[in-house]
Amino acid sequence: SGNNVTTLSAEPTSFPENIIFSSVEARSLTVSWDEVLPGQNEPINGYLLYYTNTTFSDTITVIGGKNLAYTLTELRPYTNYTVTVSAYNDGGNGPTNDDRIQQTEQAEPTSSPEDIIFSLVEARSLTVSWEE
């Protein structure tokens, strides 16, 4: 009877650094990060991108250790999103970086004001009202 030796996979021990936000728009933004170098013969399988706002949270799995950016879409305009990233491999998930917060841009108005009414109140002031 021989001795069976099982090597357990270890999760990544470091987290992605230099989280950068780019192409920030009202409903999308791109997140990029530095590659996490694998440990002893433990290739990085990919990254987990966690993003939240006050009413929502989700996790995106970015497959591939060399894929170092992801564009989040269908975001809410003028909203703060908190983003963290961790690497994962066969051993599990590594630690996350510190929270990074990015606000999306304000959205363009979807329509023009309607039923604009000018009413002269005094010689030097004018009141303008409208329907949204």
C-alpha atoms as a PDB file:
ATOM      1  CA  SER A   1       0.000   0.000   0.000  1.00  0.00           C
ATOM      2  CA  GLY A   2       1.497   3.315  -1.097  1.00  0.00           C
ATOM      3  CA  ASN A   3       1.145   6.643   0.584  1.00  0.00           C
ATOM      4  CA  ASN A   4      -1.330   8.979  -1.108  1.00  0.00           C
ATOM      5  CA  VAL A   5      -0.170  12.581  -1.028  1.00  0.00           C
ATOM      6  CA  THR A   6      -2.801  15.216  -1.757  1.00  0.00           C
ATOM      7  CA  THR A   7      -1.742  18.771  -2.407  1.00  0.00           C
ATOM      8  CA  LEU A   8      -4.429  21.249  -1.448  1.00  0.00           C
ATOM      9  CA  SER A   9      -4.820  24.301  -3.625  1.00  0.00           C
ATOM     10  CA  ALA A  10      -4.362  27.567  -1.805  1.00  0.00           C
ATOM     11  CA  GLU A  11      -6.419  30.637  -2.614  1.00  0.00           C
ATOM     12  CA  PRO A  12      -4.599  33.767  -3.808  1.00  0.00           C
ATOM     13  CA  THR A  13      -2.931  35.658  -0.961  1.00  0.00           C
ATOM     14  CA  SER A  14      -2.800  39.104  -2.548  1.00  0.00           C
ATOM     15  CA  PHE A  15      -5.462  41.381  -3.970  1.00  0.00           C
ATOM     16  CA  PRO A  16      -5.605  43.353  -7.216  1.00  0.00           C
ATOM     17  CA  GLU A  17      -4.011  46.774  -6.844  1.00  0.00           C
ATOM     18  CA  ASN A  18      -4.418  50.087  -8.677  1.00  0.00           C
ATOM     19  CA  ILE A  19      -8.172  49.964  -9.177  1.00  0.00           C
ATOM     20  CA  ILE A  20      -8.888  52.594 -11.839  1.00  0.00           C
ATOM     21  CA  PHE A  21     -12.210  53.907 -13.121  1.00  0.00           C
ATOM     22  CA  SER A  22     -12.409  55.148 -16.697  1.00  0.00           C
ATOM     23  CA  SER A  23     -15.034  55.935 -19.342  1.00  0.00           C
ATOM     24  CA  VAL A  24     -17.418  56.990 -16.581  1.00  0.00           C
ATOM     25  CA  GLU A  25     -20.838  57.773 -18.022  1.00  0.00           C
ATOM     26  CA  ALA A  26     -24.383  58.049 -16.672  1.00  0.00           C
ATOM     27  CA  ARG A  27     -25.157  54.328 -17.042  1.00  0.00           C
ATOM     28  CA  SER A  28     -21.771  52.637 -17.399  1.00  0.00           C
ATOM     29  CA  LEU A  29     -18.183  52.740 -16.208  1.00  0.00           C
ATOM     30  CA  THR A  30     -15.048  50.704 -16.796  1.00  0.00           C
ATOM     31  CA  VAL A  31     -13.036  49.243 -13.912  1.00  0.00           C
ATOM     32  CA  SER A  32      -9.440  48.094 -14.406  1.00  0.00           C
ATOM     33  CA  TRP A  33      -6.845  46.638 -12.049  1.00  0.00           C
ATOM     34  CA  ASP A  34      -3.321  45.227 -11.909  1.00  0.00           C
ATOM     35  CA  GLU A  35      -2.716  41.543 -12.477  1.00  0.00           C
ATOM     36  CA  VAL A  36      -2.361  39.348  -9.381  1.00  0.00           C
ATOM     37  CA  LEU A  37       0.677  37.152  -9.833  1.00  0.00           C
ATOM     38  CA  PRO A  38       0.080  33.475  -9.096  1.00  0.00           C
ATOM     39  CA  GLY A  39       1.540  31.780  -6.038  1.00  0.00           C
ATOM     40  CA  GLN A  40       3.413  28.470  -6.128  1.00  0.00           C
ATOM     41  CA  ASN A  41       2.140  26.910  -9.357  1.00  0.00           C
ATOM     42  CA  GLU A  42      -1.338  28.282  -8.683  1.00  0.00           C
ATOM     43  CA  PRO A  43      -2.600  30.031 -11.796  1.00  0.00           C
ATOM     44  CA  ILE A  44      -5.118  32.818 -11.308  1.00  0.00           C
ATOM     45  CA  ASN A  45      -8.382  31.681 -12.934  1.00  0.00           C
ATOM     46  CA  GLY A  46      -9.920  35.152 -12.975  1.00  0.00           C
ATOM     47  CA  TYR A  47     -11.300  37.963 -10.872  1.00  0.00           C
ATOM     48  CA  LEU A  48     -14.476  38.682  -8.945  1.00  0.00           C
ATOM     49  CA  LEU A  49     -15.750  42.219  -9.328  1.00  0.00           C
ATOM     50  CA  TYR A  50     -18.155  43.225  -6.546  1.00  0.00           C
ATOM     51  CA  TYR A  51     -20.185  46.385  -7.005  1.00  0.00           C
ATOM     52  CA  THR A  52     -22.907  47.915  -4.863  1.00  0.00           C
ATOM     53  CA  ASN A  53     -24.973  51.047  -4.401  1.00  0.00           C
ATOM     54  CA  THR A  54     -27.439  51.819  -1.612  1.00  0.00           C
ATOM     55  CA  THR A  55     -30.128  49.510  -3.020  1.00  0.00           C
ATOM     56  CA  PHE A  56     -28.267  46.963  -5.124  1.00  0.00           C
ATOM     57  CA  SER A  57     -25.293  44.629  -5.122  1.00  0.00           C
ATOM     58  CA  ASP A  58     -23.910  42.211  -7.677  1.00  0.00           C
ATOM     59  CA  THR A  59     -20.810  40.181  -8.462  1.00  0.00           C
ATOM     60  CA  ILE A  60     -19.296  39.793 -11.919  1.00  0.00           C
ATOM     61  CA  THR A  61     -16.971  36.876 -12.623  1.00  0.00           C
ATOM     62  CA  VAL A  62     -14.218  37.939 -15.016  1.00  0.00           C
ATOM     63  CA  ILE A  63     -12.745  34.693 -16.334  1.00  0.00           C
ATOM     64  CA  GLY A  64      -9.041  34.625 -17.150  1.00  0.00           C
ATOM     65  CA  GLY A  65      -6.072  35.798 -15.104  1.00  0.00           C
ATOM     66  CA  LYS A  66      -4.971  38.188 -17.866  1.00  0.00           C
ATOM     67  CA  ASN A  67      -8.361  39.915 -18.185  1.00  0.00           C
ATOM     68  CA  LEU A  68      -7.798  43.084 -16.192  1.00  0.00           C
ATOM     69  CA  ALA A  69     -10.800  45.277 -16.984  1.00  0.00           C
ATOM     70  CA  TYR A  70     -14.564  45.107 -17.138  1.00  0.00           C
ATOM     71  CA  THR A  71     -17.256  47.584 -18.163  1.00  0.00           C
ATOM     72  CA  LEU A  72     -20.260  47.705 -15.849  1.00  0.00           C
ATOM     73  CA  THR A  73     -23.467  48.616 -17.680  1.00  0.00           C
ATOM     74  CA  GLU A  74     -27.118  49.328 -16.822  1.00  0.00           C
ATOM     75  CA  LEU A  75     -26.015  51.508 -13.912  1.00  0.00           C
ATOM     76  CA  ARG A  76     -28.102  54.267 -12.379  1.00  0.00           C
ATOM     77  CA  PRO A  77     -27.161  57.847 -13.268  1.00  0.00           C
ATOM     78  CA  TYR A  78     -25.629  60.139 -10.632  1.00  0.00           C
ATOM     79  CA  THR A  79     -25.180  57.249  -8.196  1.00  0.00           C
ATOM     80  CA  ASN A  80     -22.211  56.245  -6.056  1.00  0.00           C
ATOM     81  CA  TYR A  81     -20.990  52.705  -6.705  1.00  0.00           C
ATOM     82  CA  THR A  82     -18.643  50.924  -4.320  1.00  0.00           C
ATOM     83  CA  VAL A  83     -16.313  48.510  -6.118  1.00  0.00           C
ATOM     84  CA  THR A  84     -13.924  45.846  -4.845  1.00  0.00           C
ATOM     85  CA  VAL A  85     -12.009  43.178  -6.771  1.00  0.00           C
ATOM     86  CA  SER A  86     -10.488  39.862  -5.732  1.00  0.00           C
ATOM     87  CA  ALA A  87      -8.600  37.174  -7.612  1.00  0.00           C
ATOM     88  CA  TYR A  88      -9.683  33.540  -7.538  1.00  0.00           C
ATOM     89  CA  ASN A  89      -8.184  30.173  -8.416  1.00  0.00           C
ATOM     90  CA  ASP A  90      -8.957  26.496  -7.804  1.00  0.00           C
ATOM     91  CA  GLY A  91      -8.256  27.028  -4.087  1.00  0.00           C
ATOM     92  CA  GLY A  92     -10.837  29.746  -3.619  1.00  0.00           C
ATOM     93  CA  ASN A  93     -11.191  33.499  -3.524  1.00  0.00           C
ATOM     94  CA  GLY A  94      -8.420  35.826  -2.461  1.00  0.00           C
ATOM     95  CA  PRO A  95      -8.732  38.991  -0.381  1.00  0.00           C
ATOM     96  CA  THR A  96     -10.404  42.097  -1.788  1.00  0.00           C
ATOM     97  CA  ASN A  97      -8.826  45.495  -2.170  1.00  0.00           C
ATOM     98  CA  ASP A  98     -10.100  48.451  -0.154  1.00  0.00           C
ATOM     99  CA  ASP A  99     -13.466  49.806  -1.253  1.00  0.00           C
ATOM    100  CA  ARG A 100     -13.258  52.241  -4.131  1.00  0.00           C
ATOM    101  CA  ILE A 101     -16.184  54.579  -4.791  1.00  0.00           C
ATOM    102  CA  GLN A 102     -17.099  56.152  -8.108  1.00  0.00           C
ATOM    103  CA  GLN A 103     -20.134  58.240  -8.974  1.00  0.00           C
ATOM    104  CA  THR A 104     -21.782  57.850 -12.359  1.00  0.00           C
ATOM    105  CA  GLU A 105     -22.484  60.939 -14.433  1.00  0.00           C
ATOM    106  CA  GLN A 106     -25.796  62.775 -14.431  1.00  0.00           C
ATOM    107  CA  ALA A 107     -28.149  61.629 -17.155  1.00  0.00           C
ATOM    108  CA  GLU A 108     -29.285  63.853 -19.980  1.00  0.00           C
ATOM    109  CA  PRO A 109     -32.906  64.952 -19.626  1.00  0.00           C
ATOM    110  CA  THR A 110     -35.170  62.591 -21.529  1.00  0.00           C
ATOM    111  CA  SER A 111     -37.508  65.352 -22.684  1.00  0.00           C
ATOM    112  CA  SER A 112     -37.826  69.127 -22.875  1.00  0.00           C
ATOM    113  CA  PRO A 113     -39.964  71.125 -20.480  1.00  0.00           C
ATOM    114  CA  GLU A 114     -43.524  71.587 -21.695  1.00  0.00           C
ATOM    115  CA  ASP A 115     -46.220  74.205 -21.167  1.00  0.00           C
ATOM    116  CA  ILE A 116     -43.767  76.993 -20.356  1.00  0.00           C
ATOM    117  CA  ILE A 117     -45.574  79.945 -18.791  1.00  0.00           C
ATOM    118  CA  PHE A 118     -44.072  83.414 -18.350  1.00  0.00           C
ATOM    119  CA  SER A 119     -45.812  85.701 -15.912  1.00  0.00           C
ATOM    120  CA  LEU A 120     -44.643  89.228 -15.226  1.00  0.00           C
ATOM    121  CA  VAL A 121     -44.611  89.826 -11.499  1.00  0.00           C
ATOM    122  CA  GLU A 122     -42.813  93.147 -11.228  1.00  0.00           C
ATOM    123  CA  ALA A 123     -40.904  95.458 -13.527  1.00  0.00           C
ATOM    124  CA  ARG A 124     -37.567  93.801 -12.727  1.00  0.00           C
ATOM    125  CA  SER A 125     -38.535  90.170 -12.096  1.00  0.00           C
ATOM    126  CA  LEU A 126     -40.048  87.431 -14.182  1.00  0.00           C
ATOM    127  CA  THR A 127     -41.520  84.132 -13.032  1.00  0.00           C
ATOM    128  CA  VAL A 128     -41.122  81.126 -15.302  1.00  0.00           C
ATOM    129  CA  SER A 129     -42.961  77.870 -14.667  1.00  0.00           C
ATOM    130  CA  TRP A 130     -43.204  74.655 -16.645  1.00  0.00           C
ATOM    131  CA  GLU A 131     -44.337  71.057 -16.577  1.00  0.00           C
ATOM    132  CA  GLU A 132     -41.659  68.362 -16.407  1.00  0.00           C
END
